[in-house]
Amino acid sequence: MEGMMMDNETFRILNSVMQWIIMPVAAFVWVIYRQQQQHETAIAVLQAETATARLAHDREIKEIRETSRAIMAKLDSIEQALRK
């Protein structure tokens, strides 16, 4: 009977540990994991948007450079025509 009481007491302690320590910690870890997954998704979206914006910006800068070169070439040709 003594050994049986020890087993019941051990079981009661283990049950309490599971209920009040292990399960809340596991739930907390699960919540943190879910939030981390949402953050990873949000970061991936932001990175994609940033890459798209950077590409568009680079294209605009290239267009401005080309237009500036064309304007300068035109101004040079006008200047040469005026000097003649």
C-alpha atoms as a PDB file:
ATOM      1  CA  MET A   1       0.000   0.000   0.000  1.00  0.00           C
ATOM      2  CA  GLU A   2       2.915   2.334   0.828  1.00  0.00           C
ATOM      3  CA  GLY A   3       4.391   1.915  -2.665  1.00  0.00           C
ATOM      4  CA  MET A   4       0.995   2.596  -4.214  1.00  0.00           C
ATOM      5  CA  MET A   5       0.630   5.874  -2.289  1.00  0.00           C
ATOM      6  CA  MET A   6       4.049   6.948  -3.472  1.00  0.00           C
ATOM      7  CA  ASP A   7       3.022   6.252  -7.047  1.00  0.00           C
ATOM      8  CA  ASN A   8      -0.225   8.189  -6.625  1.00  0.00           C
ATOM      9  CA  GLU A   9       1.647  11.092  -5.012  1.00  0.00           C
ATOM     10  CA  THR A  10       4.232  11.066  -7.791  1.00  0.00           C
ATOM     11  CA  PHE A  11       1.463  10.998 -10.375  1.00  0.00           C
ATOM     12  CA  ARG A  12      -0.296  13.923  -8.659  1.00  0.00           C
ATOM     13  CA  ILE A  13       2.940  15.956  -8.628  1.00  0.00           C
ATOM     14  CA  LEU A  14       3.664  15.162 -12.265  1.00  0.00           C
ATOM     15  CA  ASN A  15       0.101  16.093 -13.188  1.00  0.00           C
ATOM     16  CA  SER A  16       0.458  19.431 -11.363  1.00  0.00           C
ATOM     17  CA  VAL A  17       3.808  20.108 -13.039  1.00  0.00           C
ATOM     18  CA  MET A  18       2.299  19.374 -16.451  1.00  0.00           C
ATOM     19  CA  GLN A  19      -0.782  21.504 -15.762  1.00  0.00           C
ATOM     20  CA  TRP A  20       0.885  24.550 -14.208  1.00  0.00           C
ATOM     21  CA  ILE A  21       4.387  24.617 -15.741  1.00  0.00           C
ATOM     22  CA  ILE A  22       4.855  22.531 -18.882  1.00  0.00           C
ATOM     23  CA  MET A  23       1.541  23.303 -20.619  1.00  0.00           C
ATOM     24  CA  PRO A  24       1.698  27.107 -20.111  1.00  0.00           C
ATOM     25  CA  VAL A  25       5.320  27.169 -21.303  1.00  0.00           C
ATOM     26  CA  ALA A  26       4.414  25.048 -24.340  1.00  0.00           C
ATOM     27  CA  ALA A  27       1.477  27.356 -25.129  1.00  0.00           C
ATOM     28  CA  PHE A  28       3.726  30.412 -24.793  1.00  0.00           C
ATOM     29  CA  VAL A  29       6.341  28.874 -27.094  1.00  0.00           C
ATOM     30  CA  TRP A  30       3.629  28.031 -29.635  1.00  0.00           C
ATOM     31  CA  VAL A  31       2.300  31.625 -29.574  1.00  0.00           C
ATOM     32  CA  ILE A  32       5.823  33.008 -30.030  1.00  0.00           C
ATOM     33  CA  TYR A  33       6.405  30.581 -32.927  1.00  0.00           C
ATOM     34  CA  ARG A  34       3.179  31.699 -34.658  1.00  0.00           C
ATOM     35  CA  GLN A  35       4.115  35.363 -34.258  1.00  0.00           C
ATOM     36  CA  GLN A  36       7.601  34.664 -35.616  1.00  0.00           C
ATOM     37  CA  GLN A  37       6.062  32.994 -38.679  1.00  0.00           C
ATOM     38  CA  GLN A  38       3.841  36.037 -39.259  1.00  0.00           C
ATOM     39  CA  HIS A  39       6.853  38.323 -38.906  1.00  0.00           C
ATOM     40  CA  GLU A  40       8.842  36.230 -41.386  1.00  0.00           C
ATOM     41  CA  THR A  41       6.008  36.550 -43.892  1.00  0.00           C
ATOM     42  CA  ALA A  42       5.759  40.311 -43.356  1.00  0.00           C
ATOM     43  CA  ILE A  43       9.528  40.692 -43.756  1.00  0.00           C
ATOM     44  CA  ALA A  44       9.489  38.674 -46.991  1.00  0.00           C
ATOM     45  CA  VAL A  45       6.712  40.890 -48.368  1.00  0.00           C
ATOM     46  CA  LEU A  46       8.613  44.047 -47.381  1.00  0.00           C
ATOM     47  CA  GLN A  47      11.792  42.738 -48.993  1.00  0.00           C
ATOM     48  CA  ALA A  48       9.921  42.021 -52.226  1.00  0.00           C
ATOM     49  CA  GLU A  49       8.339  45.482 -52.193  1.00  0.00           C
ATOM     50  CA  THR A  50      11.720  47.085 -51.527  1.00  0.00           C
ATOM     51  CA  ALA A  51      13.325  45.178 -54.378  1.00  0.00           C
ATOM     52  CA  THR A  52      10.522  46.261 -56.725  1.00  0.00           C
ATOM     53  CA  ALA A  53      10.823  49.903 -55.632  1.00  0.00           C
ATOM     54  CA  ARG A  54      14.619  49.782 -56.011  1.00  0.00           C
ATOM     55  CA  LEU A  55      14.299  48.364 -59.526  1.00  0.00           C
ATOM     56  CA  ALA A  56      11.791  51.058 -60.504  1.00  0.00           C
ATOM     57  CA  HIS A  57      14.050  53.745 -59.021  1.00  0.00           C
ATOM     58  CA  ASP A  58      17.073  52.413 -60.894  1.00  0.00           C
ATOM     59  CA  ARG A  59      15.107  52.460 -64.155  1.00  0.00           C
ATOM     60  CA  GLU A  60      13.996  56.048 -63.539  1.00  0.00           C
ATOM     61  CA  ILE A  61      17.564  57.150 -62.785  1.00  0.00           C
ATOM     62  CA  LYS A  62      18.775  55.436 -65.974  1.00  0.00           C
ATOM     63  CA  GLU A  63      16.074  57.243 -67.965  1.00  0.00           C
ATOM     64  CA  ILE A  64      17.072  60.587 -66.436  1.00  0.00           C
ATOM     65  CA  ARG A  65      20.726  59.933 -67.300  1.00  0.00           C
ATOM     66  CA  GLU A  66      19.884  59.056 -70.885  1.00  0.00           C
ATOM     67  CA  THR A  67      17.643  62.109 -71.234  1.00  0.00           C
ATOM     68  CA  SER A  68      20.366  64.341 -69.741  1.00  0.00           C
ATOM     69  CA  ARG A  69      22.904  62.955 -72.193  1.00  0.00           C
ATOM     70  CA  ALA A  70      20.523  63.545 -75.100  1.00  0.00           C
ATOM     71  CA  ILE A  71      19.908  67.133 -73.938  1.00  0.00           C
ATOM     72  CA  MET A  72      23.630  67.779 -73.561  1.00  0.00           C
ATOM     73  CA  ALA A  73      24.305  66.327 -77.012  1.00  0.00           C
ATOM     74  CA  LYS A  74      21.580  68.519 -78.467  1.00  0.00           C
ATOM     75  CA  LEU A  75      22.989  71.603 -76.685  1.00  0.00           C
ATOM     76  CA  ASP A  76      26.466  70.768 -78.013  1.00  0.00           C
ATOM     77  CA  SER A  77      25.133  70.507 -81.561  1.00  0.00           C
ATOM     78  CA  ILE A  78      23.284  73.849 -81.155  1.00  0.00           C
ATOM     79  CA  GLU A  79      26.446  75.470 -79.769  1.00  0.00           C
ATOM     80  CA  GLN A  80      28.519  74.141 -82.684  1.00  0.00           C
ATOM     81  CA  ALA A  81      25.901  75.380 -85.177  1.00  0.00           C
ATOM     82  CA  LEU A  82      25.949  78.848 -83.597  1.00  0.00           C
ATOM     83  CA  ARG A  83      29.746  79.061 -83.733  1.00  0.00           C
ATOM     84  CA  LYS A  84      29.828  78.466 -87.493  1.00  0.00           C
END
